[in-house]
Amino acid sequence: MSSYIGRFAPSPSGSLHFGSLVAALGSYLRARSQLGRWLVRIEDIDPPREIPGAVDNILRTLEQFGLHWDGEVLYQSARLSAYQQQINHLLAEHQAYFCQCSRKQIKQMGGTYDGRCGRLQPPLSSGAIRIHNQSAIESFYDVLMGNVITSTNFAAEDFILKRSDGLYAYQLVVVLDDAFQGITEVVRGADLLEATVRQISLYRQFGLPEPGWLHLPLASLEPGFKLSKQNHATPVDGNQPQPALQAALAFLGQAQVEWHQDIRLMIEQAVTQFDLHRVPGQREILLTD
């Protein structure tokens, strides 16, 4: 085993569809081709969006496709105290602050929050919690996409770490969890490409080691309309995984593998012939009938 640690981190908002299979397969092949570990994390911190039974369905589908993970599955819902501890530290060190600005007010600011609540004296004691963004990372290197540049306003904004309804923001928890699990490279869909600059700013502000980044193209039905659980994408068939596996390999630019009833043999071959240079370096690929 090498020092490489990758992961797949689905949310339990529905079954795995073709787009999420591509993300899972891509991260798995990358990790195993590096002789590394592949972890699974369930991002279950948004209860209103969770579907009963989705966690078991997701894990069962991964196993049906021969995508077996290392160690125990990590559930974000078991780490709420760690997230709050970091929030408390940031507030105590004046690196975060409460904000009560509405979406309407932010729209009137031009769409980018201007940090006004962070300048109030005395400070607010309730509302959403925002980071005092001290890094303002505007660009980063992606292994597949190359140098990625975002807007200055987006990079510099004091973004939310904890919502006013008490739910923790994705930007905070994904950084703390990836650091906790020792992830060395984040492989995921290109829909999170721009958000990476905010995560890097948190890594640096928290003094945590930064992973590498590799964003895979999205499977889309039409430009800007990716397959997702929210638009009721059709779940993949775990009872007959071979066709979907071959389709996912083709989507990732990989050579086809020999058909076997035992899916593990197909996965093993896919690992041995995985070639990162063949993965399309684009943000989305349109699916055709």
Protein backbone atom coordinates (compact mmCIF):
# COMPACT_ATOMS: atom_id res chain seq x y z
CA MET A 1 0.00 0.00 0.00
CA SER A 2 1.16 3.53 -0.77
CA SER A 3 0.47 6.69 1.24
CA TYR A 4 -2.35 7.63 -1.16
CA ILE A 5 -5.80 7.92 0.45
CA GLY A 6 -8.86 8.71 -1.64
CA ARG A 7 -12.55 8.73 -0.84
CA PHE A 8 -16.11 8.72 -2.12
CA ALA A 9 -18.55 10.82 -0.10
CA PRO A 10 -22.18 10.56 -1.22
CA SER A 11 -25.14 12.20 0.48
CA PRO A 12 -28.10 9.94 1.38
CA SER A 13 -30.58 11.94 -0.68
CA GLY A 14 -31.32 9.08 -3.07
CA SER A 15 -29.94 6.05 -4.88
CA LEU A 16 -26.74 6.03 -6.91
CA HIS A 17 -27.34 7.11 -10.51
CA PHE A 18 -24.94 7.00 -13.46
CA GLY A 19 -23.32 10.33 -12.57
CA SER A 20 -22.57 9.26 -9.02
CA LEU A 21 -21.33 5.88 -10.30
CA VAL A 22 -18.83 7.75 -12.48
CA ALA A 23 -17.58 9.70 -9.45
CA ALA A 24 -17.34 6.56 -7.32
CA LEU A 25 -15.62 4.55 -10.04
CA GLY A 26 -13.23 7.35 -10.95
CA SER A 27 -12.12 7.88 -7.37
CA TYR A 28 -11.82 4.12 -6.80
CA LEU A 29 -9.72 3.48 -9.92
CA ARG A 30 -7.46 6.41 -9.13
CA ALA A 31 -6.86 5.20 -5.57
CA ARG A 32 -6.34 1.55 -6.43
CA SER A 33 -4.09 2.37 -9.40
CA GLN A 34 -1.90 4.26 -6.92
CA LEU A 35 -1.93 1.20 -4.61
CA GLY A 36 -3.72 3.41 -2.13
CA ARG A 37 -6.68 3.20 0.22
CA TRP A 38 -10.24 4.10 -0.77
CA LEU A 39 -12.62 5.29 1.93
CA VAL A 40 -16.37 5.87 1.96
CA ARG A 41 -17.97 8.70 3.92
CA ILE A 42 -21.70 9.33 4.19
CA GLU A 43 -22.44 13.07 4.20
CA ASP A 44 -25.61 12.95 6.29
CA ILE A 45 -25.71 16.42 7.84
CA ASP A 46 -28.80 17.71 6.03
CA PRO A 47 -31.70 15.66 7.44
CA PRO A 48 -34.47 17.43 5.44
CA ARG A 49 -32.89 16.16 2.19
CA GLU A 50 -32.24 12.59 3.32
CA ILE A 51 -34.27 9.68 1.97
CA PRO A 52 -35.02 6.77 4.34
CA GLY A 53 -33.07 3.69 3.33
CA ALA A 54 -30.73 5.61 1.00
CA VAL A 55 -27.58 4.85 3.00
CA ASP A 56 -28.10 1.08 2.89
CA ASN A 57 -29.01 1.32 -0.79
CA ILE A 58 -25.86 3.29 -1.66
CA LEU A 59 -23.53 0.95 0.24
CA ARG A 60 -25.19 -2.14 -1.23
CA THR A 61 -24.89 -0.72 -4.75
CA LEU A 62 -21.19 0.01 -4.30
CA GLU A 63 -20.64 -3.57 -3.23
CA GLN A 64 -22.69 -4.89 -6.17
CA PHE A 65 -20.33 -2.98 -8.49
CA GLY A 66 -17.27 -4.45 -6.78
CA LEU A 67 -16.29 -1.11 -5.25
CA HIS A 68 -15.23 -2.29 -1.81
CA TRP A 69 -13.93 0.31 0.61
CA ASP A 70 -11.22 0.16 3.26
CA GLY A 71 -12.01 0.43 6.96
CA GLU A 72 -15.29 1.57 8.47
CA VAL A 73 -17.72 3.94 6.78
CA LEU A 74 -17.54 7.41 8.36
CA TYR A 75 -20.83 9.19 9.02
CA GLN A 76 -20.78 12.96 9.28
CA SER A 77 -23.68 12.81 11.73
CA ALA A 78 -21.23 11.22 14.21
CA ARG A 79 -18.86 14.21 13.98
CA LEU A 80 -21.12 17.11 14.90
CA SER A 81 -19.17 17.82 18.08
CA ALA A 82 -15.94 18.16 16.06
CA TYR A 83 -17.58 20.69 13.75
CA GLN A 84 -18.94 22.69 16.67
CA GLN A 85 -15.58 22.63 18.43
CA GLN A 86 -13.98 24.22 15.39
CA ILE A 87 -16.77 26.83 15.21
CA ASN A 88 -16.29 27.69 18.89
CA HIS A 89 -12.55 28.08 18.39
CA LEU A 90 -13.03 30.38 15.41
CA LEU A 91 -15.52 32.57 17.27
CA ALA A 92 -13.23 32.79 20.29
CA GLU A 93 -10.30 33.80 18.07
CA HIS A 94 -12.43 36.35 16.15
CA GLN A 95 -11.93 34.36 12.94
CA ALA A 96 -15.69 33.94 12.51
CA TYR A 97 -18.79 35.97 13.33
CA PHE A 98 -22.58 35.86 13.39
CA CYS A 99 -24.52 37.33 10.48
CA GLN A 100 -28.24 38.05 10.10
CA CYS A 101 -28.26 39.38 6.53
CA SER A 102 -30.98 37.94 4.30
CA ARG A 103 -30.61 36.71 0.75
CA LYS A 104 -32.49 39.82 -0.37
CA GLN A 105 -29.96 42.05 1.37
CA ILE A 106 -27.03 40.16 -0.18
CA LYS A 107 -28.65 40.51 -3.59
CA GLN A 108 -28.79 44.26 -3.00
CA MET A 109 -25.04 44.14 -2.24
CA GLY A 110 -24.52 42.91 -5.81
CA GLY A 111 -24.79 39.22 -5.01
CA THR A 112 -21.59 39.03 -2.96
CA TYR A 113 -21.72 39.44 0.81
CA ASP A 114 -19.75 42.52 1.87
CA GLY A 115 -18.78 41.48 5.41
CA ARG A 116 -20.83 44.15 7.17
CA CYS A 117 -21.88 42.01 10.15
CA GLY A 118 -18.23 41.27 10.88
CA ARG A 119 -17.66 44.98 11.50
CA LEU A 120 -20.49 45.48 13.98
CA GLN A 121 -19.69 46.57 17.53
CA PRO A 122 -20.82 44.92 19.66
CA PRO A 123 -20.94 41.81 17.46
CA LEU A 124 -24.14 39.88 16.89
CA SER A 125 -24.76 36.82 19.07
CA SER A 126 -27.07 34.84 16.79
CA GLY A 127 -27.68 34.04 13.13
CA ALA A 128 -25.56 32.26 10.55
CA ILE A 129 -21.83 32.00 11.22
CA ARG A 130 -19.38 33.28 8.61
CA ILE A 131 -15.61 32.90 8.35
CA HIS A 132 -13.40 35.97 8.41
CA ASN A 133 -11.84 34.94 5.11
CA GLN A 134 -8.15 35.75 5.49
CA SER A 135 -6.85 33.78 2.49
CA ALA A 136 -8.96 34.70 -0.56
CA ILE A 137 -7.56 31.90 -2.73
CA GLU A 138 -8.41 32.69 -6.36
CA SER A 139 -6.78 29.78 -8.19
CA PHE A 140 -5.50 26.25 -7.70
CA TYR A 141 -4.07 23.40 -9.73
CA ASP A 142 -6.28 20.48 -10.68
CA VAL A 143 -4.58 17.29 -11.89
CA LEU A 144 -7.07 16.91 -14.74
CA MET A 145 -8.36 20.44 -15.41
CA GLY A 146 -5.07 22.31 -14.98
CA ASN A 147 -5.00 25.79 -13.46
CA VAL A 148 -8.48 26.81 -12.28
CA ILE A 149 -9.21 30.50 -11.67
CA THR A 150 -12.30 31.91 -9.95
CA SER A 151 -13.59 35.45 -9.52
CA THR A 152 -11.97 37.69 -6.92
CA ASN A 153 -15.32 38.44 -5.26
CA PHE A 154 -16.16 34.75 -4.88
CA ALA A 155 -12.71 33.95 -3.49
CA ALA A 156 -12.68 36.82 -0.98
CA GLU A 157 -16.24 36.50 0.34
CA ASP A 158 -16.81 35.70 4.03
CA PHE A 159 -18.82 32.54 3.34
CA ILE A 160 -21.09 30.65 5.73
CA LEU A 161 -19.77 27.88 7.98
CA LYS A 162 -22.98 27.21 9.91
CA ARG A 163 -26.45 28.11 8.74
CA SER A 164 -28.96 30.04 10.83
CA ASP A 165 -31.06 26.86 11.12
CA GLY A 166 -28.16 25.15 12.91
CA LEU A 167 -26.95 22.96 10.04
CA TYR A 168 -23.24 22.95 9.27
CA ALA A 169 -22.15 24.12 5.83
CA TYR A 170 -20.54 21.75 3.35
CA GLN A 171 -17.39 23.89 3.05
CA LEU A 172 -16.60 23.43 6.74
CA VAL A 173 -17.40 19.77 7.19
CA VAL A 174 -15.73 18.52 4.01
CA VAL A 175 -12.45 20.18 5.00
CA LEU A 176 -12.52 18.89 8.57
CA ASP A 177 -13.50 15.38 7.47
CA ASP A 178 -10.93 15.10 4.67
CA ALA A 179 -8.22 16.26 7.09
CA PHE A 180 -9.48 13.87 9.78
CA GLN A 181 -9.36 10.93 7.38
CA GLY A 182 -5.98 11.93 5.95
CA ILE A 183 -7.24 12.27 2.38
CA THR A 184 -4.28 12.96 0.10
CA GLU A 185 -6.26 13.65 -3.09
CA VAL A 186 -9.90 14.63 -3.56
CA VAL A 187 -11.44 13.05 -6.65
CA ARG A 188 -15.01 14.23 -7.32
CA GLY A 189 -17.30 15.83 -9.90
CA ALA A 190 -16.53 19.13 -11.61
CA ASP A 191 -19.66 20.74 -10.10
CA LEU A 192 -17.49 21.39 -7.03
CA LEU A 193 -14.59 22.87 -9.00
CA GLU A 194 -15.11 26.51 -7.98
CA ALA A 195 -15.94 25.63 -4.37
CA THR A 196 -12.42 24.22 -4.03
CA VAL A 197 -10.90 27.68 -3.58
CA ARG A 198 -13.01 28.20 -0.45
CA GLN A 199 -11.96 24.85 0.92
CA ILE A 200 -8.31 25.63 0.30
CA SER A 201 -8.72 28.90 2.17
CA LEU A 202 -10.06 26.96 5.16
CA TYR A 203 -7.19 24.45 5.02
CA ARG A 204 -4.75 27.34 5.21
CA GLN A 205 -6.63 29.27 7.85
CA PHE A 206 -6.97 26.15 10.01
CA GLY A 207 -3.34 25.14 9.46
CA LEU A 208 -4.28 21.76 7.94
CA PRO A 209 -2.35 19.90 5.20
CA GLU A 210 -3.97 20.40 1.78
CA PRO A 211 -4.85 17.44 -0.45
CA GLY A 212 -4.43 17.34 -4.20
CA TRP A 213 -7.44 17.94 -6.45
CA LEU A 214 -8.87 15.99 -9.37
CA HIS A 215 -12.30 16.89 -10.72
CA LEU A 216 -14.02 14.51 -13.11
CA PRO A 217 -16.38 15.60 -15.91
CA LEU A 218 -20.08 15.61 -15.10
CA ALA A 219 -22.61 13.42 -16.86
CA SER A 220 -25.23 15.85 -18.21
CA LEU A 221 -28.49 15.48 -20.12
CA GLU A 222 -28.03 18.94 -21.66
CA PRO A 223 -25.53 21.78 -21.12
CA GLY A 224 -25.55 22.83 -17.48
CA PHE A 225 -28.06 20.15 -16.46
CA LYS A 226 -26.16 17.35 -14.73
CA LEU A 227 -27.64 14.05 -13.64
CA SER A 228 -28.53 14.32 -9.97
CA LYS A 229 -30.73 12.86 -7.29
CA GLN A 230 -32.61 16.16 -7.17
CA ASN A 231 -33.77 15.83 -10.78
CA HIS A 232 -34.71 12.19 -10.19
CA ALA A 233 -31.97 10.58 -12.26
CA THR A 234 -32.56 6.87 -12.85
CA PRO A 235 -30.72 4.65 -10.33
CA VAL A 236 -28.11 2.26 -11.68
CA ASP A 237 -29.02 -1.42 -11.67
CA GLY A 238 -26.91 -3.12 -9.03
CA ASN A 239 -28.43 -6.50 -9.81
CA GLN A 240 -26.93 -6.36 -13.32
CA PRO A 241 -23.95 -4.02 -12.93
CA GLN A 242 -21.87 -5.04 -15.97
CA PRO A 243 -23.51 -2.75 -18.60
CA ALA A 244 -23.39 0.34 -16.35
CA LEU A 245 -19.78 -0.40 -15.39
CA GLN A 246 -18.72 -0.60 -19.04
CA ALA A 247 -20.62 2.62 -19.78
CA ALA A 248 -18.94 4.40 -16.86
CA LEU A 249 -15.51 3.24 -18.04
CA ALA A 250 -16.25 4.55 -21.52
CA PHE A 251 -17.42 7.86 -20.06
CA LEU A 252 -14.08 8.16 -18.27
CA GLY A 253 -12.21 7.42 -21.51
CA GLN A 254 -11.04 4.02 -20.30
CA ALA A 255 -10.72 0.85 -22.33
CA GLN A 256 -13.47 -1.72 -21.96
CA VAL A 257 -12.87 -4.79 -19.81
CA GLU A 258 -13.77 -8.43 -20.40
CA TRP A 259 -17.32 -9.33 -19.41
CA HIS A 260 -17.54 -11.56 -16.33
CA GLN A 261 -20.41 -12.70 -14.18
CA ASP A 262 -18.10 -11.95 -11.23
CA ILE A 263 -17.94 -8.15 -11.27
CA ARG A 264 -14.79 -8.21 -9.15
CA LEU A 265 -12.80 -9.58 -12.08
CA MET A 266 -13.97 -6.67 -14.25
CA ILE A 267 -13.01 -4.15 -11.59
CA GLU A 268 -9.58 -5.73 -11.16
CA GLN A 269 -8.92 -5.42 -14.89
CA ALA A 270 -10.19 -1.84 -14.90
CA VAL A 271 -7.69 -0.98 -12.15
CA THR A 272 -4.73 -2.53 -13.95
CA GLN A 273 -5.47 -0.66 -17.20
CA PHE A 274 -6.58 2.66 -15.68
CA ASP A 275 -4.97 5.59 -17.50
CA LEU A 276 -5.58 9.06 -16.08
CA HIS A 277 -4.41 10.66 -19.31
CA ARG A 278 -7.42 9.17 -21.09
CA VAL A 279 -9.95 10.85 -18.80
CA PRO A 280 -11.53 13.79 -20.69
CA GLY A 281 -10.33 17.10 -19.26
CA GLN A 282 -13.66 18.89 -19.54
CA ARG A 283 -16.32 19.94 -17.09
CA GLU A 284 -19.22 18.00 -18.53
CA ILE A 285 -20.04 15.38 -21.13
CA LEU A 286 -23.48 15.19 -22.68
CA LEU A 287 -25.11 11.78 -22.59
CA THR A 288 -26.60 10.65 -25.89
CA ASP A 289 -29.20 7.98 -26.47
